[in-house]
Amino acid sequence: MRKRLSLAQLKKYDVNQKVIEALADAQSRSILFSIIKQGKTAMELSEEHRIPLSSVYKKISDLEEIALVKVDKWVLSDNGKKFKLYKSRISKADVRIRKPEPVIILTPNDQNG
């Protein structure tokens, strides 16, 4: 009989799994690592990576949910519209495959500005 996982183990696995899935997704990865040094708006990310704006918002939402991306600040456009500047919370990610589950080492983003 298999050993049952505790709730804490299930939650950890769930987050690890989500981080691995985000890093495996080419669009999420390109968004995440393009906002390490400087925050960008969803529109800038859409144009830079040629990803539909709706997809950028979905990817950003998924990355925020697992705490890989944060809203760095709000900016005001010339016509008075507010935009979020998104920034990566990590500067590096290492995934090591080991039993019983992968080990993920995330390096915090120390970039200022």
Protein backbone atom coordinates (compact mmCIF):
# COMPACT_ATOMS: atom_id res chain seq x y z
CA MET A 1 0.00 0.00 0.00
CA ARG A 2 1.29 3.48 -0.89
CA LYS A 3 1.93 6.02 1.79
CA ARG A 4 -0.60 8.86 1.71
CA LEU A 5 0.77 12.38 1.33
CA SER A 6 -0.02 14.97 3.98
CA LEU A 7 -1.82 18.18 3.02
CA ALA A 8 1.46 20.13 3.34
CA GLN A 9 3.20 17.67 0.99
CA LEU A 10 0.35 17.91 -1.52
CA LYS A 11 0.47 21.73 -1.48
CA LYS A 12 4.26 21.75 -1.90
CA TYR A 13 4.01 19.31 -4.79
CA ASP A 14 1.27 21.40 -6.37
CA VAL A 15 3.40 24.59 -6.25
CA ASN A 16 6.49 22.75 -7.48
CA GLN A 17 4.46 21.27 -10.32
CA LYS A 18 3.07 24.70 -11.27
CA VAL A 19 6.56 26.27 -11.23
CA ILE A 20 7.91 23.47 -13.44
CA GLU A 21 4.98 23.88 -15.85
CA ALA A 22 5.50 27.66 -16.00
CA LEU A 23 9.22 27.25 -16.71
CA ALA A 24 8.50 24.61 -19.33
CA ASP A 25 6.11 26.93 -21.18
CA ALA A 26 8.09 28.96 -23.75
CA GLN A 27 5.83 32.03 -23.56
CA SER A 28 5.76 32.14 -19.75
CA ARG A 29 9.51 31.66 -19.61
CA SER A 30 10.20 34.41 -22.16
CA ILE A 31 7.91 36.81 -20.28
CA LEU A 32 9.40 35.93 -16.90
CA PHE A 33 13.01 36.34 -17.90
CA SER A 34 12.44 39.51 -19.94
CA ILE A 35 11.25 41.36 -16.82
CA ILE A 36 14.18 40.60 -14.53
CA LYS A 37 16.06 43.88 -14.92
CA GLN A 38 13.18 46.20 -15.73
CA GLY A 39 9.43 46.05 -15.29
CA LYS A 40 7.21 46.09 -18.38
CA THR A 41 3.51 46.51 -19.13
CA ALA A 42 1.42 43.71 -20.59
CA MET A 43 1.28 45.67 -23.87
CA GLU A 44 5.08 45.94 -24.01
CA LEU A 45 5.39 42.20 -23.34
CA SER A 46 2.79 41.42 -26.00
CA GLU A 47 4.60 43.49 -28.63
CA GLU A 48 8.11 42.35 -27.64
CA HIS A 49 7.31 38.63 -27.70
CA ARG A 50 4.57 38.72 -30.34
CA ILE A 51 2.10 37.08 -27.98
CA PRO A 52 -1.59 38.07 -28.05
CA LEU A 53 -2.39 40.52 -25.25
CA SER A 54 -5.03 38.18 -23.77
CA SER A 55 -2.43 35.40 -23.58
CA VAL A 56 0.06 37.74 -21.88
CA TYR A 57 -2.53 38.60 -19.22
CA LYS A 58 -3.26 34.87 -18.68
CA LYS A 59 0.44 33.99 -18.40
CA ILE A 60 1.09 36.93 -16.03
CA SER A 61 -1.87 35.89 -13.88
CA ASP A 62 -0.55 32.31 -13.69
CA LEU A 63 2.96 33.56 -12.82
CA GLU A 64 1.57 35.91 -10.13
CA GLU A 65 -0.42 33.03 -8.62
CA ILE A 66 2.79 31.09 -7.95
CA ALA A 67 4.66 34.25 -6.83
CA LEU A 68 7.13 34.36 -9.73
CA VAL A 69 5.93 37.79 -10.90
CA LYS A 70 4.83 40.89 -9.01
CA VAL A 71 3.34 44.26 -9.86
CA ASP A 72 6.40 46.49 -9.51
CA LYS A 73 4.48 49.73 -9.79
CA TRP A 74 1.67 51.55 -11.53
CA VAL A 75 2.41 54.06 -14.29
CA LEU A 76 0.21 56.75 -15.75
CA SER A 77 0.12 57.23 -19.52
CA ASP A 78 -0.06 60.62 -21.22
CA ASN A 79 -3.82 60.23 -21.63
CA GLY A 80 -4.32 59.41 -17.94
CA LYS A 81 -4.66 55.65 -18.25
CA LYS A 82 -3.12 53.49 -15.47
CA PHE A 83 -0.93 50.50 -16.33
CA LYS A 84 0.78 47.88 -14.19
CA LEU A 85 4.51 47.33 -14.59
CA TYR A 86 5.28 43.66 -13.99
CA LYS A 87 8.61 42.45 -12.68
CA SER A 88 10.12 39.01 -12.13
CA ARG A 89 10.62 37.95 -8.52
CA ILE A 90 13.36 35.55 -9.62
CA SER A 91 16.55 35.98 -11.62
CA LYS A 92 17.40 32.31 -11.98
CA ALA A 93 15.70 28.94 -11.71
CA ASP A 94 17.36 25.55 -11.31
CA VAL A 95 15.36 22.34 -11.50
CA ARG A 96 16.99 19.11 -10.39
CA ILE A 97 15.33 15.80 -11.00
CA ARG A 98 15.61 13.64 -7.89
CA LYS A 99 13.51 11.02 -6.19
CA PRO A 100 10.87 11.27 -4.86
CA GLU A 101 10.21 14.66 -6.51
CA PRO A 102 12.11 17.40 -8.35
CA VAL A 103 14.03 20.02 -6.40
CA ILE A 104 13.46 23.61 -7.51
CA ILE A 105 15.93 26.31 -6.52
CA LEU A 106 14.77 29.85 -7.27
CA THR A 107 17.20 32.76 -6.96
CA PRO A 108 15.48 35.98 -5.82
CA ASN A 109 15.66 38.94 -8.17
CA ASP A 110 17.88 41.57 -6.57
CA GLN A 111 17.65 44.00 -9.53
CA ASN A 112 16.79 47.52 -8.46
CA GLY A 113 14.99 49.68 -10.94
